[in-house]
Amino acid sequence: MPKATVNILMVCLGNICRSPLAHGILESKLDSNLYYVDSAGTGAYHVGNPPDRRSIAVAKKHGIDITHQRAQQFKVSHFDNFDFIYVMDQSNYENVLQLTRNDNDRKKVSLILEEVAPNMHSEVPDPYYGGDTGFENVYEMLEEACSLIANKI
């Protein structure tokens, strides 16, 4: 992993739908010399696989290429390597928090939609079992959140 000025990790369950989209969207908004963006899943279901074809398609539709990404599982070492860890939903948020070792780790973790609606505990729905419309809806949510994150950092 290259060490940039700021390192940001996006996390969902399998690392093939939501977090790869968030990864690609935020990466497209930031200078890669200053920011490093990556993604991971709390589960090991898809390790080594590319993003879901529907995530790839919706990203491509919006001018973003995520085909180079490969799923990885979230590890405790991610706390050492990342400054911000954005999680897509409450269940995965709790799974990540269970791995924290201290307050410093805990402070790095937040729900991504808290950027859009603070203290609302909003979740990015998992579009995996839905149709293509679900992926477009998720893209729109993540686009808004990532724009706010890019402006903030």
N, C-alpha and C. Protein backbone atom coordinates (compact mmCIF):
# COMPACT_ATOMS: atom_id res chain seq x y z
N MET A 1 0.84 -1.18 0.00
CA MET A 1 0.00 0.00 0.00
C MET A 1 0.88 1.24 0.00
N PRO A 2 0.68 2.11 -0.98
CA PRO A 2 1.44 3.36 -0.95
C PRO A 2 0.99 4.25 0.20
N LYS A 3 1.92 4.95 0.80
CA LYS A 3 1.57 5.86 1.89
C LYS A 3 1.38 7.24 1.31
N ALA A 4 0.14 7.68 1.30
CA ALA A 4 -0.19 9.03 0.85
C ALA A 4 -0.31 9.91 2.08
N THR A 5 -0.63 11.16 1.86
CA THR A 5 -0.84 12.07 2.97
C THR A 5 -2.04 11.61 3.80
N VAL A 6 -3.10 11.18 3.12
CA VAL A 6 -4.31 10.70 3.78
C VAL A 6 -4.72 9.39 3.13
N ASN A 7 -4.98 8.38 3.95
CA ASN A 7 -5.39 7.06 3.48
C ASN A 7 -6.81 6.79 3.96
N ILE A 8 -7.68 6.40 3.00
CA ILE A 8 -9.10 6.23 3.29
C ILE A 8 -9.54 4.83 2.84
N LEU A 9 -10.28 4.14 3.72
CA LEU A 9 -10.77 2.79 3.42
C LEU A 9 -12.29 2.76 3.45
N MET A 10 -12.88 2.14 2.44
CA MET A 10 -14.32 1.93 2.37
C MET A 10 -14.61 0.47 2.69
N VAL A 11 -15.63 0.21 3.52
CA VAL A 11 -15.90 -1.15 3.98
C VAL A 11 -17.38 -1.52 3.84
N CYS A 12 -17.61 -2.71 3.29
CA CYS A 12 -18.96 -3.30 3.29
C CYS A 12 -18.81 -4.78 3.65
N LEU A 13 -19.76 -5.62 3.29
CA LEU A 13 -19.71 -7.02 3.70
C LEU A 13 -18.75 -7.84 2.83
N GLY A 14 -19.01 -7.88 1.52
CA GLY A 14 -18.21 -8.74 0.65
C GLY A 14 -17.16 -8.04 -0.19
N ASN A 15 -17.18 -6.72 -0.20
CA ASN A 15 -16.24 -5.91 -0.97
C ASN A 15 -16.37 -6.14 -2.48
N ILE A 16 -17.64 -6.32 -2.93
CA ILE A 16 -17.85 -6.43 -4.38
C ILE A 16 -18.93 -5.48 -4.91
N CYS A 17 -19.72 -4.88 -4.02
CA CYS A 17 -20.81 -3.99 -4.49
C CYS A 17 -20.63 -2.56 -4.03
N ARG A 18 -20.91 -2.31 -2.75
CA ARG A 18 -20.94 -0.94 -2.23
C ARG A 18 -19.56 -0.34 -2.03
N SER A 19 -18.68 -1.03 -1.32
CA SER A 19 -17.37 -0.42 -1.04
C SER A 19 -16.51 -0.21 -2.28
N PRO A 20 -16.56 -1.10 -3.29
CA PRO A 20 -15.81 -0.79 -4.52
C PRO A 20 -16.35 0.46 -5.22
N LEU A 21 -17.67 0.65 -5.18
CA LEU A 21 -18.23 1.86 -5.78
C LEU A 21 -17.76 3.09 -5.01
N ALA A 22 -17.85 3.05 -3.68
CA ALA A 22 -17.40 4.19 -2.87
C ALA A 22 -15.91 4.44 -3.11
N HIS A 23 -15.13 3.39 -3.18
CA HIS A 23 -13.69 3.46 -3.45
C HIS A 23 -13.46 4.20 -4.77
N GLY A 24 -14.12 3.74 -5.83
CA GLY A 24 -13.93 4.34 -7.15
C GLY A 24 -14.41 5.79 -7.22
N ILE A 25 -15.56 6.05 -6.60
CA ILE A 25 -16.11 7.41 -6.64
C ILE A 25 -15.18 8.38 -5.92
N LEU A 26 -14.78 8.03 -4.69
CA LEU A 26 -13.92 8.95 -3.94
C LEU A 26 -12.56 9.10 -4.61
N GLU A 27 -12.01 8.00 -5.09
CA GLU A 27 -10.71 8.04 -5.77
C GLU A 27 -10.75 9.00 -6.97
N SER A 28 -11.88 9.02 -7.67
CA SER A 28 -12.00 9.89 -8.85
C SER A 28 -12.06 11.37 -8.49
N LYS A 29 -12.32 11.68 -7.23
CA LYS A 29 -12.46 13.06 -6.78
C LYS A 29 -11.21 13.62 -6.11
N LEU A 30 -10.22 12.76 -5.86
CA LEU A 30 -9.04 13.18 -5.09
C LEU A 30 -7.75 13.04 -5.89
N ASP A 31 -6.76 13.82 -5.54
CA ASP A 31 -5.42 13.75 -6.13
C ASP A 31 -4.72 12.50 -5.58
N SER A 32 -4.38 11.58 -6.47
CA SER A 32 -3.77 10.32 -6.03
C SER A 32 -2.37 10.50 -5.45
N ASN A 33 -1.77 11.65 -5.63
CA ASN A 33 -0.47 11.91 -5.00
C ASN A 33 -0.62 12.26 -3.52
N LEU A 34 -1.82 12.70 -3.15
CA LEU A 34 -2.07 13.12 -1.77
C LEU A 34 -2.98 12.17 -1.00
N TYR A 35 -3.79 11.43 -1.74
CA TYR A 35 -4.78 10.56 -1.11
C TYR A 35 -4.70 9.16 -1.68
N TYR A 36 -4.83 8.18 -0.79
CA TYR A 36 -4.90 6.79 -1.21
C TYR A 36 -6.24 6.25 -0.73
N VAL A 37 -7.01 5.67 -1.66
CA VAL A 37 -8.32 5.11 -1.32
C VAL A 37 -8.29 3.62 -1.64
N ASP A 38 -8.88 2.83 -0.75
CA ASP A 38 -8.97 1.39 -0.95
C ASP A 38 -10.30 0.92 -0.37
N SER A 39 -10.58 -0.36 -0.50
CA SER A 39 -11.82 -0.90 0.06
C SER A 39 -11.59 -2.32 0.54
N ALA A 40 -12.48 -2.76 1.44
CA ALA A 40 -12.39 -4.11 2.01
C ALA A 40 -13.78 -4.55 2.46
N GLY A 41 -13.91 -5.83 2.72
CA GLY A 41 -15.15 -6.39 3.24
C GLY A 41 -14.91 -7.05 4.57
N THR A 42 -15.94 -7.05 5.41
CA THR A 42 -15.78 -7.72 6.71
C THR A 42 -15.81 -9.24 6.55
N GLY A 43 -16.42 -9.72 5.48
CA GLY A 43 -16.45 -11.15 5.19
C GLY A 43 -15.42 -11.52 4.15
N ALA A 44 -15.05 -12.80 4.11
CA ALA A 44 -14.03 -13.27 3.17
C ALA A 44 -14.65 -13.96 1.95
N TYR A 45 -15.93 -13.76 1.73
CA TYR A 45 -16.66 -14.47 0.68
C TYR A 45 -16.09 -14.31 -0.71
N HIS A 46 -15.57 -13.15 -1.03
CA HIS A 46 -15.18 -12.85 -2.42
C HIS A 46 -13.71 -12.44 -2.57
N VAL A 47 -12.87 -12.73 -1.59
CA VAL A 47 -11.47 -12.31 -1.62
C VAL A 47 -10.83 -12.67 -2.97
N GLY A 48 -10.20 -11.68 -3.58
CA GLY A 48 -9.51 -11.87 -4.86
C GLY A 48 -10.38 -11.63 -6.08
N ASN A 49 -11.69 -11.53 -5.88
CA ASN A 49 -12.60 -11.33 -7.01
C ASN A 49 -12.74 -9.86 -7.37
N PRO A 50 -13.06 -9.59 -8.64
CA PRO A 50 -13.35 -8.20 -9.04
C PRO A 50 -14.72 -7.79 -8.50
N PRO A 51 -15.04 -6.51 -8.58
CA PRO A 51 -16.37 -6.07 -8.16
C PRO A 51 -17.48 -6.76 -8.98
N ASP A 52 -18.66 -6.78 -8.41
CA ASP A 52 -19.85 -7.30 -9.07
C ASP A 52 -20.01 -6.59 -10.42
N ARG A 53 -20.41 -7.31 -11.44
CA ARG A 53 -20.55 -6.74 -12.79
C ARG A 53 -21.49 -5.54 -12.81
N ARG A 54 -22.49 -5.54 -11.92
CA ARG A 54 -23.44 -4.42 -11.88
C ARG A 54 -22.79 -3.18 -11.27
N SER A 55 -21.89 -3.36 -10.30
CA SER A 55 -21.13 -2.22 -9.75
C SER A 55 -20.21 -1.66 -10.82
N ILE A 56 -19.55 -2.55 -11.54
CA ILE A 56 -18.67 -2.13 -12.64
C ILE A 56 -19.46 -1.34 -13.67
N ALA A 57 -20.66 -1.84 -14.01
CA ALA A 57 -21.48 -1.18 -15.04
C ALA A 57 -21.95 0.20 -14.59
N VAL A 58 -22.42 0.33 -13.37
CA VAL A 58 -22.92 1.63 -12.92
C VAL A 58 -21.76 2.62 -12.78
N ALA A 59 -20.62 2.16 -12.33
CA ALA A 59 -19.45 3.04 -12.24
C ALA A 59 -19.05 3.51 -13.65
N LYS A 60 -18.99 2.57 -14.59
CA LYS A 60 -18.62 2.90 -15.97
C LYS A 60 -19.59 3.91 -16.58
N LYS A 61 -20.87 3.73 -16.29
CA LYS A 61 -21.91 4.65 -16.78
C LYS A 61 -21.61 6.09 -16.34
N HIS A 62 -20.97 6.23 -15.19
CA HIS A 62 -20.64 7.54 -14.64
C HIS A 62 -19.17 7.92 -14.86
N GLY A 63 -18.50 7.19 -15.76
CA GLY A 63 -17.13 7.54 -16.13
C GLY A 63 -16.05 7.09 -15.18
N ILE A 64 -16.34 6.07 -14.36
CA ILE A 64 -15.37 5.57 -13.38
C ILE A 64 -15.07 4.11 -13.67
N ASP A 65 -13.79 3.77 -13.73
CA ASP A 65 -13.35 2.39 -13.98
C ASP A 65 -12.94 1.74 -12.66
N ILE A 66 -13.66 0.70 -12.24
CA ILE A 66 -13.30 -0.01 -11.01
C ILE A 66 -12.89 -1.45 -11.30
N THR A 67 -12.63 -1.76 -12.56
CA THR A 67 -12.32 -3.15 -12.94
C THR A 67 -11.00 -3.64 -12.36
N HIS A 68 -10.10 -2.74 -11.98
CA HIS A 68 -8.80 -3.14 -11.43
C HIS A 68 -8.89 -3.57 -9.96
N GLN A 69 -9.98 -3.25 -9.29
CA GLN A 69 -10.11 -3.56 -7.87
C GLN A 69 -10.29 -5.06 -7.65
N ARG A 70 -9.81 -5.55 -6.51
CA ARG A 70 -10.00 -6.94 -6.10
C ARG A 70 -10.41 -6.95 -4.64
N ALA A 71 -11.37 -7.80 -4.32
CA ALA A 71 -11.90 -7.87 -2.96
C ALA A 71 -10.83 -8.36 -1.99
N GLN A 72 -10.85 -7.76 -0.80
CA GLN A 72 -9.98 -8.18 0.30
C GLN A 72 -10.80 -8.14 1.58
N GLN A 73 -10.35 -8.87 2.57
CA GLN A 73 -11.04 -8.86 3.86
C GLN A 73 -10.43 -7.82 4.77
N PHE A 74 -11.28 -7.16 5.54
CA PHE A 74 -10.84 -6.18 6.52
C PHE A 74 -10.01 -6.89 7.59
N LYS A 75 -8.88 -6.27 7.96
CA LYS A 75 -7.98 -6.83 8.99
C LYS A 75 -7.66 -5.74 10.01
N VAL A 76 -7.25 -6.15 11.18
CA VAL A 76 -6.86 -5.21 12.23
C VAL A 76 -5.77 -4.27 11.74
N SER A 77 -4.88 -4.74 10.90
CA SER A 77 -3.79 -3.90 10.38
C SER A 77 -4.30 -2.70 9.57
N HIS A 78 -5.52 -2.77 9.09
CA HIS A 78 -6.09 -1.61 8.38
C HIS A 78 -6.16 -0.39 9.28
N PHE A 79 -6.33 -0.60 10.58
CA PHE A 79 -6.35 0.54 11.51
C PHE A 79 -5.01 1.26 11.52
N ASP A 80 -3.92 0.53 11.31
CA ASP A 80 -2.59 1.14 11.29
C ASP A 80 -2.32 1.89 9.99
N ASN A 81 -2.96 1.43 8.92
CA ASN A 81 -2.65 1.97 7.59
C ASN A 81 -3.61 3.03 7.07
N PHE A 82 -4.76 3.19 7.72
CA PHE A 82 -5.77 4.12 7.22
C PHE A 82 -6.14 5.16 8.26
N ASP A 83 -6.38 6.38 7.77
CA ASP A 83 -6.75 7.50 8.63
C ASP A 83 -8.25 7.58 8.83
N PHE A 84 -9.01 7.20 7.80
CA PHE A 84 -10.47 7.22 7.84
C PHE A 84 -10.98 5.88 7.33
N ILE A 85 -11.95 5.32 8.04
CA ILE A 85 -12.57 4.06 7.62
C ILE A 85 -14.07 4.30 7.58
N TYR A 86 -14.62 4.28 6.36
CA TYR A 86 -16.05 4.53 6.16
C TYR A 86 -16.76 3.20 5.89
N VAL A 87 -17.79 2.93 6.70
CA VAL A 87 -18.51 1.67 6.61
C VAL A 87 -19.91 1.94 6.05
N MET A 88 -20.42 0.98 5.28
CA MET A 88 -21.68 1.18 4.56
C MET A 88 -22.94 0.97 5.39
N ASP A 89 -22.90 0.10 6.41
CA ASP A 89 -24.12 -0.17 7.17
C ASP A 89 -23.79 -0.51 8.63
N GLN A 90 -24.83 -0.54 9.44
CA GLN A 90 -24.67 -0.73 10.88
C GLN A 90 -24.04 -2.07 11.24
N SER A 91 -24.45 -3.14 10.60
CA SER A 91 -23.91 -4.46 10.91
C SER A 91 -22.40 -4.52 10.68
N ASN A 92 -21.95 -4.03 9.54
CA ASN A 92 -20.52 -4.02 9.25
C ASN A 92 -19.77 -3.01 10.12
N TYR A 93 -20.43 -1.93 10.46
CA TYR A 93 -19.85 -0.94 11.38
C TYR A 93 -19.54 -1.61 12.72
N GLU A 94 -20.51 -2.36 13.24
CA GLU A 94 -20.31 -3.07 14.50
C GLU A 94 -19.21 -4.12 14.38
N ASN A 95 -19.16 -4.81 13.24
CA ASN A 95 -18.10 -5.82 13.03
C ASN A 95 -16.72 -5.18 13.03
N VAL A 96 -16.59 -4.01 12.40
CA VAL A 96 -15.31 -3.31 12.38
C VAL A 96 -14.96 -2.82 13.79
N LEU A 97 -15.95 -2.26 14.50
CA LEU A 97 -15.69 -1.77 15.85
C LEU A 97 -15.23 -2.89 16.79
N GLN A 98 -15.72 -4.10 16.58
CA GLN A 98 -15.30 -5.23 17.42
C GLN A 98 -13.81 -5.53 17.28
N LEU A 99 -13.21 -5.11 16.18
CA LEU A 99 -11.80 -5.35 15.94
C LEU A 99 -10.90 -4.22 16.44
N THR A 100 -11.52 -3.10 16.86
CA THR A 100 -10.70 -1.98 17.33
C THR A 100 -9.94 -2.37 18.58
N ARG A 101 -8.74 -1.80 18.71
CA ARG A 101 -7.87 -2.10 19.85
C ARG A 101 -7.87 -0.98 20.88
N ASN A 102 -8.29 0.21 20.45
CA ASN A 102 -8.21 1.37 21.33
C ASN A 102 -9.08 2.50 20.78
N ASP A 103 -9.12 3.62 21.50
CA ASP A 103 -9.93 4.77 21.07
C ASP A 103 -9.44 5.35 19.76
N ASN A 104 -8.14 5.31 19.52
CA ASN A 104 -7.61 5.83 18.26
C ASN A 104 -8.18 5.06 17.07
N ASP A 105 -8.23 3.73 17.17
CA ASP A 105 -8.84 2.92 16.11
C ASP A 105 -10.31 3.29 15.96
N ARG A 106 -11.02 3.37 17.08
CA ARG A 106 -12.46 3.63 17.09
C ARG A 106 -12.80 4.97 16.42
N LYS A 107 -11.97 5.97 16.65
CA LYS A 107 -12.23 7.31 16.11
C LYS A 107 -12.11 7.36 14.58
N LYS A 108 -11.46 6.39 13.99
CA LYS A 108 -11.27 6.36 12.54
C LYS A 108 -12.51 5.84 11.80
N VAL A 109 -13.41 5.17 12.53
CA VAL A 109 -14.52 4.45 11.92
C VAL A 109 -15.82 5.24 11.98
N SER A 110 -16.49 5.34 10.84
CA SER A 110 -17.81 5.97 10.83
C SER A 110 -18.66 5.41 9.70
N LEU A 111 -19.97 5.56 9.84
CA LEU A 111 -20.89 5.20 8.76
C LEU A 111 -20.76 6.26 7.67
N ILE A 112 -20.63 5.86 6.44
CA ILE A 112 -20.40 6.81 5.36
C ILE A 112 -21.53 7.81 5.20
N LEU A 113 -22.78 7.40 5.42
CA LEU A 113 -23.89 8.32 5.23
C LEU A 113 -24.04 9.32 6.37
N GLU A 114 -23.23 9.16 7.42
CA GLU A 114 -23.20 10.19 8.47
C GLU A 114 -22.67 11.50 7.89
N GLU A 115 -21.92 11.41 6.80
CA GLU A 115 -21.43 12.62 6.12
C GLU A 115 -22.58 13.42 5.52
N VAL A 116 -23.62 12.72 5.09
CA VAL A 116 -24.78 13.34 4.46
C VAL A 116 -25.81 13.77 5.51
N ALA A 117 -26.08 12.88 6.45
CA ALA A 117 -27.10 13.12 7.48
C ALA A 117 -26.55 12.72 8.84
N PRO A 118 -25.79 13.61 9.48
CA PRO A 118 -25.18 13.29 10.78
C PRO A 118 -26.20 12.83 11.81
N ASN A 119 -25.81 11.85 12.59
CA ASN A 119 -26.60 11.30 13.70
C ASN A 119 -27.90 10.64 13.27
N MET A 120 -28.03 10.31 12.00
CA MET A 120 -29.25 9.65 11.52
C MET A 120 -29.04 8.13 11.40
N HIS A 121 -27.81 7.68 11.48
CA HIS A 121 -27.47 6.25 11.39
C HIS A 121 -28.00 5.62 10.10
N SER A 122 -27.99 6.40 9.03
CA SER A 122 -28.47 5.92 7.73
C SER A 122 -27.50 4.90 7.16
N GLU A 123 -28.05 3.96 6.41
CA GLU A 123 -27.26 2.89 5.83
C GLU A 123 -27.35 2.90 4.31
N VAL A 124 -26.27 2.47 3.68
CA VAL A 124 -26.29 2.23 2.24
C VAL A 124 -26.82 0.81 2.08
N PRO A 125 -27.97 0.64 1.43
CA PRO A 125 -28.54 -0.71 1.30
C PRO A 125 -27.68 -1.59 0.40
N ASP A 126 -27.64 -2.87 0.70
CA ASP A 126 -26.88 -3.81 -0.12
C ASP A 126 -27.70 -4.11 -1.37
N PRO A 127 -27.19 -3.76 -2.55
CA PRO A 127 -27.96 -3.96 -3.78
C PRO A 127 -27.79 -5.35 -4.39
N TYR A 128 -27.01 -6.23 -3.76
CA TYR A 128 -26.61 -7.51 -4.35
C TYR A 128 -27.81 -8.33 -4.85
N TYR A 129 -28.85 -8.43 -4.05
CA TYR A 129 -30.00 -9.26 -4.43
C TYR A 129 -31.08 -8.49 -5.14
N GLY A 130 -30.85 -7.20 -5.37
CA GLY A 130 -31.81 -6.38 -6.09
C GLY A 130 -31.44 -6.28 -7.56
N GLY A 131 -32.19 -5.50 -8.28
CA GLY A 131 -31.92 -5.32 -9.71
C GLY A 131 -30.93 -4.19 -9.94
N ASP A 132 -30.77 -3.85 -11.21
CA ASP A 132 -29.85 -2.79 -11.61
C ASP A 132 -30.21 -1.44 -10.99
N THR A 133 -31.50 -1.21 -10.75
CA THR A 133 -31.93 0.05 -10.16
C THR A 133 -31.32 0.25 -8.78
N GLY A 134 -31.20 -0.82 -8.02
CA GLY A 134 -30.58 -0.75 -6.69
C GLY A 134 -29.15 -0.27 -6.76
N PHE A 135 -28.42 -0.68 -7.77
CA PHE A 135 -27.03 -0.25 -7.93
C PHE A 135 -26.95 1.23 -8.28
N GLU A 136 -27.87 1.70 -9.10
CA GLU A 136 -27.90 3.12 -9.45
C GLU A 136 -28.24 3.95 -8.20
N ASN A 137 -29.20 3.49 -7.41
CA ASN A 137 -29.56 4.19 -6.17
C ASN A 137 -28.38 4.26 -5.21
N VAL A 138 -27.67 3.15 -5.07
CA VAL A 138 -26.49 3.11 -4.21
C VAL A 138 -25.42 4.07 -4.73
N TYR A 139 -25.23 4.08 -6.05
CA TYR A 139 -24.26 5.00 -6.65
C TYR A 139 -24.59 6.44 -6.26
N GLU A 140 -25.84 6.82 -6.39
CA GLU A 140 -26.25 8.20 -6.10
C GLU A 140 -25.99 8.55 -4.63
N MET A 141 -26.30 7.63 -3.72
CA MET A 141 -26.03 7.87 -2.29
C MET A 141 -24.54 8.07 -2.04
N LEU A 142 -23.75 7.19 -2.65
CA LEU A 142 -22.30 7.24 -2.43
C LEU A 142 -21.67 8.46 -3.11
N GLU A 143 -22.22 8.85 -4.23
CA GLU A 143 -21.72 10.05 -4.92
C GLU A 143 -21.87 11.26 -4.01
N GLU A 144 -23.02 11.39 -3.39
CA GLU A 144 -23.26 12.52 -2.50
C GLU A 144 -22.32 12.48 -1.29
N ALA A 145 -22.21 11.31 -0.67
CA ALA A 145 -21.33 11.17 0.50
C ALA A 145 -19.87 11.42 0.14
N CYS A 146 -19.43 10.87 -0.98
CA CYS A 146 -18.03 11.03 -1.38
C CYS A 146 -17.70 12.46 -1.77
N SER A 147 -18.65 13.17 -2.34
CA SER A 147 -18.43 14.58 -2.65
C SER A 147 -18.21 15.37 -1.36
N LEU A 148 -19.01 15.07 -0.35
CA LEU A 148 -18.85 15.75 0.94
C LEU A 148 -17.52 15.40 1.60
N ILE A 149 -17.13 14.13 1.51
CA ILE A 149 -15.86 13.68 2.09
C ILE A 149 -14.70 14.38 1.37
N ALA A 150 -14.75 14.41 0.05
CA ALA A 150 -13.67 15.04 -0.73
C ALA A 150 -13.53 16.52 -0.38
N ASN A 151 -14.64 17.20 -0.20
CA ASN A 151 -14.60 18.61 0.17
C ASN A 151 -14.10 18.82 1.60
N LYS A 152 -14.41 17.88 2.47
CA LYS A 152 -14.04 17.97 3.88
C LYS A 152 -12.54 17.75 4.10
N ILE A 153 -12.00 16.77 3.41
CA ILE A 153 -10.59 16.45 3.63
C ILE A 153 -9.74 17.18 2.63
